[in-house]
């Protein structure tokens, strides 16, 4: 207790009142210096409103023979805030309809975690992953793993992995 107030205990942040900074729990002083330095570096974030659909179209043409639905008002490929650490999600028409409620129409398509916007390579990896699901492969079992391996062999991850 501080000044008669109960302070919450955070197991994921360590705050320095002197520096007015919060760090992930368990960071060493050295890691804090690196964390602060990285925070000063310029980050170039692509214009994803244009870039993400272009990436989808290019990957669809190059690695899926244009067999996936084109982006339209009926099939989206966009960024979405997500409540946990996941790269993205594919919603087919059935699942999108089931999620729609209170006059809000959830559109089928791919959503990529908005936290990846600064990580272009990660966006591509997540997008390819979700595009495999669009082909009809739902679970991360052998057919999914084979599809990812085929993408790798075809060069989809060249320059990324």
N, C-alpha and C. Protein backbone atom coordinates (compact mmCIF):
# COMPACT_ATOMS: atom_id res chain seq x y z
N UNK A 1 0.84 -1.18 0.00
CA UNK A 1 0.00 0.00 0.00
C UNK A 1 0.88 1.24 0.00
N UNK A 2 0.47 2.21 -0.79
CA UNK A 2 1.19 3.46 -0.90
C UNK A 2 0.20 4.57 -0.64
N UNK A 3 0.46 5.40 0.34
CA UNK A 3 -0.44 6.50 0.72
C UNK A 3 -1.85 6.00 0.98
N UNK A 4 -1.94 4.82 1.54
CA UNK A 4 -3.24 4.26 1.89
C UNK A 4 -4.02 3.69 0.72
N UNK A 5 -3.41 3.61 -0.46
CA UNK A 5 -4.10 3.07 -1.63
C UNK A 5 -3.53 1.70 -1.98
N UNK A 6 -4.38 0.83 -2.35
CA UNK A 6 -3.92 -0.48 -2.83
C UNK A 6 -3.60 -0.34 -4.31
N UNK A 7 -2.37 -0.67 -4.70
CA UNK A 7 -1.96 -0.60 -6.09
C UNK A 7 -2.11 -1.96 -6.74
N UNK A 8 -2.57 -1.98 -7.99
CA UNK A 8 -2.70 -3.28 -8.67
C UNK A 8 -1.32 -3.88 -8.94
N UNK A 9 -1.29 -5.18 -8.95
CA UNK A 9 -0.04 -5.89 -9.24
C UNK A 9 -0.09 -6.32 -10.70
N UNK A 10 0.89 -5.88 -11.47
CA UNK A 10 0.98 -6.25 -12.88
C UNK A 10 2.11 -7.24 -13.03
N UNK A 11 1.84 -8.36 -13.66
CA UNK A 11 2.89 -9.34 -13.86
C UNK A 11 3.51 -9.21 -15.25
N UNK A 12 3.06 -8.22 -16.03
CA UNK A 12 3.60 -8.05 -17.37
C UNK A 12 4.31 -6.73 -17.57
N UNK A 13 4.23 -5.83 -16.62
CA UNK A 13 4.90 -4.54 -16.75
C UNK A 13 5.70 -4.23 -15.50
N UNK A 14 6.80 -3.57 -15.71
CA UNK A 14 7.61 -3.06 -14.62
C UNK A 14 7.76 -1.57 -14.89
N UNK A 15 7.25 -0.75 -14.01
CA UNK A 15 7.24 0.68 -14.26
C UNK A 15 8.29 1.41 -13.44
N UNK A 16 8.94 2.37 -14.09
CA UNK A 16 9.91 3.24 -13.43
C UNK A 16 9.28 4.62 -13.34
N UNK A 17 8.91 5.03 -12.13
CA UNK A 17 8.30 6.34 -11.97
C UNK A 17 9.29 7.45 -12.29
N UNK A 18 10.58 7.23 -12.03
CA UNK A 18 11.59 8.24 -12.30
C UNK A 18 11.70 8.48 -13.81
N UNK A 19 11.69 7.42 -14.61
CA UNK A 19 11.81 7.55 -16.07
C UNK A 19 10.46 7.74 -16.74
N UNK A 20 9.38 7.50 -15.99
CA UNK A 20 8.02 7.55 -16.55
C UNK A 20 7.86 6.58 -17.71
N UNK A 21 8.44 5.39 -17.55
CA UNK A 21 8.36 4.36 -18.57
C UNK A 21 7.93 3.04 -17.93
N UNK A 22 7.26 2.25 -18.72
CA UNK A 22 6.90 0.90 -18.29
C UNK A 22 7.55 -0.10 -19.24
N UNK A 23 8.11 -1.14 -18.67
CA UNK A 23 8.79 -2.17 -19.44
C UNK A 23 8.12 -3.52 -19.19
N UNK A 24 8.20 -4.41 -20.18
CA UNK A 24 7.72 -5.77 -19.91
C UNK A 24 8.44 -6.34 -18.69
N UNK A 25 7.71 -7.07 -17.88
CA UNK A 25 8.24 -7.61 -16.63
C UNK A 25 9.49 -8.45 -16.86
N UNK A 26 10.46 -8.28 -15.99
CA UNK A 26 11.66 -9.10 -16.02
C UNK A 26 12.77 -8.56 -16.89
N UNK A 27 12.57 -7.39 -17.50
CA UNK A 27 13.64 -6.84 -18.35
C UNK A 27 14.83 -6.42 -17.51
N UNK A 28 16.01 -6.73 -18.02
CA UNK A 28 17.22 -6.27 -17.36
C UNK A 28 17.45 -4.81 -17.73
N UNK A 29 18.35 -4.15 -17.03
CA UNK A 29 18.69 -2.75 -17.35
C UNK A 29 19.22 -2.65 -18.78
N UNK A 30 20.02 -3.64 -19.19
CA UNK A 30 20.55 -3.66 -20.55
C UNK A 30 19.40 -3.73 -21.56
N UNK A 31 18.44 -4.62 -21.32
CA UNK A 31 17.30 -4.76 -22.22
C UNK A 31 16.47 -3.47 -22.24
N UNK A 32 16.36 -2.79 -21.10
CA UNK A 32 15.63 -1.52 -21.05
C UNK A 32 16.31 -0.46 -21.91
N UNK A 33 17.66 -0.42 -21.89
CA UNK A 33 18.39 0.53 -22.74
C UNK A 33 18.12 0.25 -24.22
N UNK A 34 18.15 -1.02 -24.59
CA UNK A 34 17.90 -1.40 -25.98
C UNK A 34 16.45 -1.08 -26.36
N UNK A 35 15.52 -1.38 -25.47
CA UNK A 35 14.10 -1.09 -25.67
C UNK A 35 13.90 0.40 -25.92
N UNK A 36 14.52 1.24 -25.10
CA UNK A 36 14.41 2.68 -25.26
C UNK A 36 15.01 3.15 -26.59
N UNK A 37 16.17 2.60 -26.95
CA UNK A 37 16.83 2.99 -28.20
C UNK A 37 15.98 2.61 -29.40
N UNK A 38 15.46 1.39 -29.41
CA UNK A 38 14.62 0.94 -30.53
C UNK A 38 13.41 1.86 -30.67
N UNK A 39 12.90 2.34 -29.55
CA UNK A 39 11.76 3.25 -29.57
C UNK A 39 12.04 4.57 -30.27
N UNK A 40 13.31 4.91 -30.45
CA UNK A 40 13.65 6.17 -31.12
C UNK A 40 13.84 6.00 -32.63
N UNK A 41 13.90 4.75 -33.10
CA UNK A 41 14.14 4.50 -34.52
C UNK A 41 12.89 4.78 -35.35
N UNK A 42 13.12 5.32 -36.53
CA UNK A 42 12.04 5.60 -37.46
C UNK A 42 11.47 4.29 -37.98
N UNK A 43 10.16 4.20 -37.99
CA UNK A 43 9.48 3.03 -38.52
C UNK A 43 8.64 3.47 -39.71
N UNK A 44 8.87 2.85 -40.84
CA UNK A 44 8.09 3.16 -42.03
C UNK A 44 6.96 2.15 -42.13
N UNK A 45 5.74 2.64 -42.07
CA UNK A 45 4.57 1.78 -42.15
C UNK A 45 3.95 1.98 -43.53
N UNK A 46 3.85 0.91 -44.32
CA UNK A 46 3.27 1.04 -45.67
C UNK A 46 1.83 1.55 -45.62
N UNK A 47 1.36 2.05 -46.73
CA UNK A 47 -0.04 2.41 -46.88
C UNK A 47 -0.81 1.10 -47.07
N UNK A 48 -1.23 0.52 -45.97
CA UNK A 48 -1.83 -0.81 -46.03
C UNK A 48 -3.19 -0.83 -46.70
N UNK A 49 -3.88 0.32 -46.78
CA UNK A 49 -5.16 0.34 -47.48
C UNK A 49 -4.96 -0.08 -48.93
N UNK A 50 -3.81 0.26 -49.47
CA UNK A 50 -3.47 -0.11 -50.85
C UNK A 50 -2.63 -1.39 -50.89
N UNK A 51 -1.65 -1.48 -49.99
CA UNK A 51 -0.65 -2.55 -50.04
C UNK A 51 -1.24 -3.93 -49.72
N UNK A 52 -2.11 -4.04 -48.73
CA UNK A 52 -2.63 -5.36 -48.35
C UNK A 52 -3.46 -5.99 -49.48
N UNK A 53 -4.38 -5.26 -50.10
CA UNK A 53 -5.09 -5.86 -51.24
C UNK A 53 -4.15 -6.22 -52.39
N UNK A 54 -3.14 -5.39 -52.64
CA UNK A 54 -2.16 -5.70 -53.69
C UNK A 54 -1.40 -6.98 -53.36
N UNK A 55 -1.02 -7.13 -52.08
CA UNK A 55 -0.30 -8.32 -51.65
C UNK A 55 -1.17 -9.56 -51.83
N UNK A 56 -2.42 -9.46 -51.41
CA UNK A 56 -3.36 -10.58 -51.56
C UNK A 56 -3.50 -10.97 -53.04
N UNK A 57 -3.75 -9.97 -53.89
CA UNK A 57 -3.92 -10.24 -55.32
C UNK A 57 -2.68 -10.88 -55.92
N UNK A 58 -1.51 -10.37 -55.55
CA UNK A 58 -0.25 -10.89 -56.08
C UNK A 58 -0.02 -12.33 -55.64
N UNK A 59 -0.24 -12.61 -54.36
CA UNK A 59 -0.05 -13.97 -53.85
C UNK A 59 -1.09 -14.91 -54.43
N UNK A 60 -2.31 -14.44 -54.59
CA UNK A 60 -3.37 -15.26 -55.18
C UNK A 60 -2.98 -15.66 -56.60
N UNK A 61 -2.46 -14.71 -57.36
CA UNK A 61 -2.05 -14.99 -58.74
C UNK A 61 -0.83 -15.91 -58.79
N UNK A 62 0.18 -15.60 -57.98
CA UNK A 62 1.45 -16.33 -58.05
C UNK A 62 1.41 -17.73 -57.45
N UNK A 63 0.65 -17.91 -56.39
CA UNK A 63 0.74 -19.19 -55.66
C UNK A 63 -0.58 -19.95 -55.53
N UNK A 64 -1.69 -19.33 -55.93
CA UNK A 64 -2.98 -20.00 -55.83
C UNK A 64 -3.72 -20.02 -57.19
N UNK A 65 -3.03 -19.67 -58.26
CA UNK A 65 -3.60 -19.66 -59.62
C UNK A 65 -4.92 -18.88 -59.69
N UNK A 66 -4.99 -17.80 -58.94
CA UNK A 66 -6.20 -16.96 -58.88
C UNK A 66 -7.46 -17.75 -58.51
N UNK A 67 -7.27 -18.82 -57.74
CA UNK A 67 -8.41 -19.66 -57.36
C UNK A 67 -9.16 -19.12 -56.14
N UNK A 68 -8.57 -18.17 -55.43
CA UNK A 68 -9.23 -17.61 -54.25
C UNK A 68 -10.13 -16.45 -54.67
N UNK A 69 -11.15 -16.14 -53.86
CA UNK A 69 -12.07 -15.07 -54.25
C UNK A 69 -11.35 -13.73 -54.39
N UNK A 70 -11.76 -12.93 -55.36
CA UNK A 70 -11.18 -11.58 -55.46
C UNK A 70 -11.71 -10.72 -54.31
N UNK A 71 -10.94 -9.73 -53.93
CA UNK A 71 -11.39 -8.81 -52.89
C UNK A 71 -12.54 -7.98 -53.45
N UNK A 72 -13.60 -7.91 -52.67
CA UNK A 72 -14.80 -7.18 -53.09
C UNK A 72 -15.60 -6.82 -51.84
N UNK A 73 -16.79 -6.29 -52.04
CA UNK A 73 -17.64 -6.00 -50.88
C UNK A 73 -18.12 -7.30 -50.23
N UNK A 74 -17.99 -8.43 -50.95
CA UNK A 74 -18.42 -9.73 -50.43
C UNK A 74 -17.28 -10.57 -49.86
N UNK A 75 -16.04 -10.12 -50.04
CA UNK A 75 -14.88 -10.84 -49.52
C UNK A 75 -13.79 -9.82 -49.23
N UNK A 76 -13.46 -9.67 -47.95
CA UNK A 76 -12.51 -8.63 -47.55
C UNK A 76 -11.16 -9.20 -47.19
N UNK A 77 -10.17 -8.35 -47.26
CA UNK A 77 -8.83 -8.64 -46.75
C UNK A 77 -8.37 -7.34 -46.11
N UNK A 78 -8.38 -7.32 -44.78
CA UNK A 78 -8.13 -6.08 -44.07
C UNK A 78 -7.48 -6.35 -42.72
N UNK A 79 -7.01 -5.26 -42.11
CA UNK A 79 -6.46 -5.36 -40.76
C UNK A 79 -7.60 -5.24 -39.76
N UNK A 80 -7.41 -5.86 -38.61
CA UNK A 80 -8.42 -5.86 -37.57
C UNK A 80 -7.72 -5.92 -36.21
N UNK A 81 -8.17 -5.12 -35.29
CA UNK A 81 -7.67 -5.22 -33.92
C UNK A 81 -8.11 -6.58 -33.39
N UNK A 82 -7.20 -7.27 -32.71
CA UNK A 82 -7.51 -8.59 -32.18
C UNK A 82 -7.16 -8.64 -30.70
N UNK A 83 -7.98 -9.32 -29.91
CA UNK A 83 -7.80 -9.31 -28.46
C UNK A 83 -6.66 -10.18 -27.93
N UNK A 84 -6.00 -10.89 -28.78
CA UNK A 84 -4.91 -11.74 -28.32
C UNK A 84 -3.87 -11.86 -29.41
N UNK A 85 -2.80 -12.54 -29.09
CA UNK A 85 -1.71 -12.68 -30.06
C UNK A 85 -2.05 -13.77 -31.06
N UNK A 86 -2.58 -13.34 -32.18
CA UNK A 86 -2.86 -14.23 -33.29
C UNK A 86 -2.50 -13.47 -34.55
N UNK A 87 -2.02 -14.16 -35.57
CA UNK A 87 -1.61 -13.48 -36.79
C UNK A 87 -2.78 -12.99 -37.62
N UNK A 88 -3.84 -13.75 -37.63
CA UNK A 88 -5.00 -13.38 -38.42
C UNK A 88 -6.09 -14.42 -38.30
N UNK A 89 -7.15 -14.20 -39.05
CA UNK A 89 -8.26 -15.14 -39.04
C UNK A 89 -8.97 -15.09 -40.40
N UNK A 90 -9.45 -16.24 -40.83
CA UNK A 90 -10.28 -16.32 -42.03
C UNK A 90 -11.69 -16.67 -41.59
N UNK A 91 -12.65 -15.90 -42.05
CA UNK A 91 -14.06 -16.18 -41.79
C UNK A 91 -14.73 -16.55 -43.10
N UNK A 92 -15.21 -17.78 -43.19
CA UNK A 92 -15.95 -18.17 -44.39
C UNK A 92 -17.37 -17.59 -44.28
N UNK A 93 -18.14 -17.74 -45.34
CA UNK A 93 -19.48 -17.13 -45.38
C UNK A 93 -20.37 -17.64 -44.25
N UNK A 94 -20.27 -18.92 -43.94
CA UNK A 94 -21.12 -19.51 -42.88
C UNK A 94 -20.77 -18.92 -41.51
N UNK A 95 -19.48 -18.85 -41.21
CA UNK A 95 -19.05 -18.30 -39.92
C UNK A 95 -19.36 -16.81 -39.84
N UNK A 96 -19.14 -16.08 -40.94
CA UNK A 96 -19.43 -14.64 -40.96
C UNK A 96 -20.90 -14.39 -40.68
N UNK A 97 -21.77 -15.19 -41.31
CA UNK A 97 -23.21 -15.05 -41.09
C UNK A 97 -23.58 -15.35 -39.64
N UNK A 98 -22.94 -16.35 -39.06
CA UNK A 98 -23.22 -16.71 -37.67
C UNK A 98 -22.78 -15.61 -36.70
N UNK A 99 -21.72 -14.88 -37.05
CA UNK A 99 -21.24 -13.80 -36.19
C UNK A 99 -22.03 -12.51 -36.36
N UNK A 100 -22.72 -12.36 -37.47
CA UNK A 100 -23.50 -11.15 -37.73
C UNK A 100 -24.67 -11.07 -36.76
N UNK A 101 -24.89 -9.86 -36.21
CA UNK A 101 -26.03 -9.67 -35.31
C UNK A 101 -26.31 -8.19 -35.11
N UNK A 102 -27.48 -7.91 -34.59
CA UNK A 102 -27.90 -6.55 -34.27
C UNK A 102 -27.73 -5.61 -35.46
N UNK A 103 -28.01 -6.10 -36.63
CA UNK A 103 -27.92 -5.28 -37.83
C UNK A 103 -26.52 -5.08 -38.38
N UNK A 104 -25.53 -5.70 -37.75
CA UNK A 104 -24.15 -5.60 -38.22
C UNK A 104 -23.84 -6.84 -39.04
N UNK A 105 -23.51 -6.64 -40.30
CA UNK A 105 -23.19 -7.72 -41.22
C UNK A 105 -21.68 -7.97 -41.21
N UNK A 106 -21.27 -9.12 -40.72
CA UNK A 106 -19.85 -9.50 -40.75
C UNK A 106 -19.58 -10.11 -42.12
N UNK A 107 -18.62 -9.54 -42.82
CA UNK A 107 -18.30 -9.99 -44.18
C UNK A 107 -17.29 -11.13 -44.15
N UNK A 108 -17.45 -12.09 -45.05
CA UNK A 108 -16.44 -13.15 -45.18
C UNK A 108 -15.10 -12.54 -45.61
N UNK A 109 -14.03 -13.22 -45.26
CA UNK A 109 -12.72 -12.79 -45.72
C UNK A 109 -11.64 -13.00 -44.69
N UNK A 110 -10.53 -12.33 -44.95
CA UNK A 110 -9.33 -12.45 -44.12
C UNK A 110 -9.14 -11.18 -43.32
N UNK A 111 -8.87 -11.35 -42.03
CA UNK A 111 -8.47 -10.24 -41.17
C UNK A 111 -7.08 -10.55 -40.65
N UNK A 112 -6.19 -9.57 -40.76
CA UNK A 112 -4.82 -9.69 -40.25
C UNK A 112 -4.71 -8.83 -39.01
N UNK A 113 -4.04 -9.35 -38.00
CA UNK A 113 -3.88 -8.63 -36.74
C UNK A 113 -3.25 -7.25 -36.99
N UNK A 114 -3.93 -6.20 -36.56
CA UNK A 114 -3.48 -4.82 -36.78
C UNK A 114 -2.11 -4.55 -36.13
N UNK A 115 -1.74 -5.33 -35.13
CA UNK A 115 -0.44 -5.14 -34.48
C UNK A 115 0.73 -5.51 -35.39
N UNK A 116 0.45 -6.15 -36.52
CA UNK A 116 1.51 -6.54 -37.45
C UNK A 116 1.83 -5.47 -38.48
N UNK A 117 1.13 -4.37 -38.49
CA UNK A 117 1.29 -3.34 -39.54
C UNK A 117 2.74 -2.89 -39.73
N UNK A 118 3.52 -2.86 -38.70
CA UNK A 118 4.92 -2.43 -38.80
C UNK A 118 5.85 -3.56 -39.21
N UNK A 119 5.32 -4.75 -39.38
CA UNK A 119 6.13 -5.93 -39.67
C UNK A 119 5.67 -6.57 -40.99
N UNK A 120 6.11 -5.97 -42.09
CA UNK A 120 5.65 -6.38 -43.41
C UNK A 120 5.84 -7.87 -43.66
N UNK A 121 6.99 -8.42 -43.28
CA UNK A 121 7.24 -9.85 -43.49
C UNK A 121 6.24 -10.70 -42.71
N UNK A 122 5.91 -10.27 -41.50
CA UNK A 122 4.95 -11.01 -40.69
C UNK A 122 3.55 -10.93 -41.30
N UNK A 123 3.23 -9.78 -41.88
CA UNK A 123 1.94 -9.65 -42.56
C UNK A 123 1.85 -10.67 -43.69
N UNK A 124 2.91 -10.80 -44.46
CA UNK A 124 2.92 -11.75 -45.58
C UNK A 124 2.77 -13.18 -45.07
N UNK A 125 3.47 -13.53 -44.01
CA UNK A 125 3.38 -14.88 -43.45
C UNK A 125 1.95 -15.15 -42.96
N UNK A 126 1.37 -14.20 -42.24
CA UNK A 126 0.01 -14.37 -41.73
C UNK A 126 -0.99 -14.45 -42.89
N UNK A 127 -0.78 -13.61 -43.90
CA UNK A 127 -1.69 -13.62 -45.04
C UNK A 127 -1.64 -14.95 -45.79
N UNK A 128 -0.45 -15.46 -46.05
CA UNK A 128 -0.33 -16.76 -46.71
C UNK A 128 -1.01 -17.85 -45.88
N UNK A 129 -0.83 -17.81 -44.58
CA UNK A 129 -1.45 -18.78 -43.67
C UNK A 129 -2.98 -18.75 -43.85
N UNK A 130 -3.55 -17.54 -43.81
CA UNK A 130 -5.00 -17.43 -43.92
C UNK A 130 -5.48 -17.79 -45.32
N UNK A 131 -4.68 -17.50 -46.34
CA UNK A 131 -5.06 -17.85 -47.70
C UNK A 131 -5.16 -19.37 -47.86
N UNK A 132 -4.32 -20.11 -47.16
CA UNK A 132 -4.43 -21.57 -47.18
C UNK A 132 -5.79 -21.98 -46.61
N UNK A 133 -6.23 -21.31 -45.56
CA UNK A 133 -7.55 -21.63 -45.00
C UNK A 133 -8.66 -21.32 -46.01
N UNK A 134 -8.49 -20.26 -46.80
CA UNK A 134 -9.50 -19.91 -47.80
C UNK A 134 -9.69 -21.04 -48.80
N UNK A 135 -8.65 -21.82 -49.04
CA UNK A 135 -8.76 -22.95 -49.98
C UNK A 135 -9.69 -24.04 -49.47
N UNK A 136 -10.07 -23.97 -48.20
CA UNK A 136 -10.97 -24.98 -47.63
C UNK A 136 -10.32 -25.84 -46.56
N UNK A 137 -9.04 -25.64 -46.35
CA UNK A 137 -8.34 -26.40 -45.30
C UNK A 137 -8.57 -25.67 -43.98
N UNK A 138 -9.29 -26.30 -43.06
CA UNK A 138 -9.67 -25.62 -41.82
C UNK A 138 -8.66 -25.80 -40.69
N UNK A 139 -8.26 -27.01 -40.45
CA UNK A 139 -7.41 -27.28 -39.27
C UNK A 139 -5.94 -27.28 -39.64
N UNK A 140 -5.11 -27.17 -38.61
CA UNK A 140 -3.65 -27.14 -38.81
C UNK A 140 -3.06 -28.55 -38.76
N UNK A 141 -3.67 -29.43 -39.51
CA UNK A 141 -3.22 -30.82 -39.55
C UNK A 141 -2.39 -31.05 -40.81
N UNK A 142 -2.18 -32.31 -41.18
CA UNK A 142 -1.28 -32.65 -42.29
C UNK A 142 -1.59 -31.93 -43.61
N UNK A 143 -2.86 -31.85 -44.05
CA UNK A 143 -3.12 -31.12 -45.31
C UNK A 143 -2.67 -29.65 -45.25
N UNK A 144 -2.89 -29.03 -44.10
CA UNK A 144 -2.46 -27.64 -43.93
C UNK A 144 -0.93 -27.54 -43.98
N UNK A 145 -0.28 -28.41 -43.25
CA UNK A 145 1.19 -28.41 -43.23
C UNK A 145 1.76 -28.68 -44.62
N UNK A 146 1.12 -29.57 -45.36
CA UNK A 146 1.56 -29.85 -46.74
C UNK A 146 1.39 -28.63 -47.63
N UNK A 147 0.29 -27.92 -47.45
CA UNK A 147 0.04 -26.72 -48.26
C UNK A 147 1.08 -25.64 -47.95
N UNK A 148 1.42 -25.46 -46.68
CA UNK A 148 2.44 -24.48 -46.30
C UNK A 148 3.79 -24.90 -46.87
N UNK A 149 4.10 -26.19 -46.80
CA UNK A 149 5.37 -26.69 -47.35
C UNK A 149 5.42 -26.45 -48.86
N UNK A 150 4.31 -26.67 -49.55
CA UNK A 150 4.26 -26.45 -51.00
C UNK A 150 4.48 -24.97 -51.32
N UNK A 151 3.90 -24.08 -50.52
CA UNK A 151 4.13 -22.64 -50.71
C UNK A 151 5.60 -22.30 -50.52
N UNK A 152 6.20 -22.91 -49.50
CA UNK A 152 7.62 -22.67 -49.24
C UNK A 152 8.46 -23.13 -50.44
N UNK A 153 8.20 -24.33 -50.93
CA UNK A 153 8.96 -24.86 -52.07
C UNK A 153 8.73 -24.05 -53.34
N UNK A 154 7.56 -23.45 -53.46
CA UNK A 154 7.23 -22.64 -54.64
C UNK A 154 7.84 -21.23 -54.57
N UNK A 155 8.43 -20.89 -53.40
CA UNK A 155 9.09 -19.59 -53.26
C UNK A 155 8.26 -18.50 -52.63
N UNK A 156 7.11 -18.84 -52.07
CA UNK A 156 6.23 -17.82 -51.47
C UNK A 156 6.89 -17.09 -50.31
N UNK A 157 7.81 -17.75 -49.63
CA UNK A 157 8.45 -17.15 -48.46
C UNK A 157 9.86 -16.64 -48.75
N UNK A 158 10.22 -16.60 -50.02
CA UNK A 158 11.55 -16.14 -50.41
C UNK A 158 11.77 -14.70 -49.92
N UNK A 159 12.90 -14.48 -49.27
CA UNK A 159 13.19 -13.16 -48.73
C UNK A 159 12.52 -12.86 -47.41
N UNK A 160 11.68 -13.78 -46.96
CA UNK A 160 10.97 -13.59 -45.68
C UNK A 160 11.51 -14.56 -44.64
N UNK A 161 11.65 -15.83 -45.01
CA UNK A 161 12.17 -16.86 -44.10
C UNK A 161 13.52 -17.34 -44.57
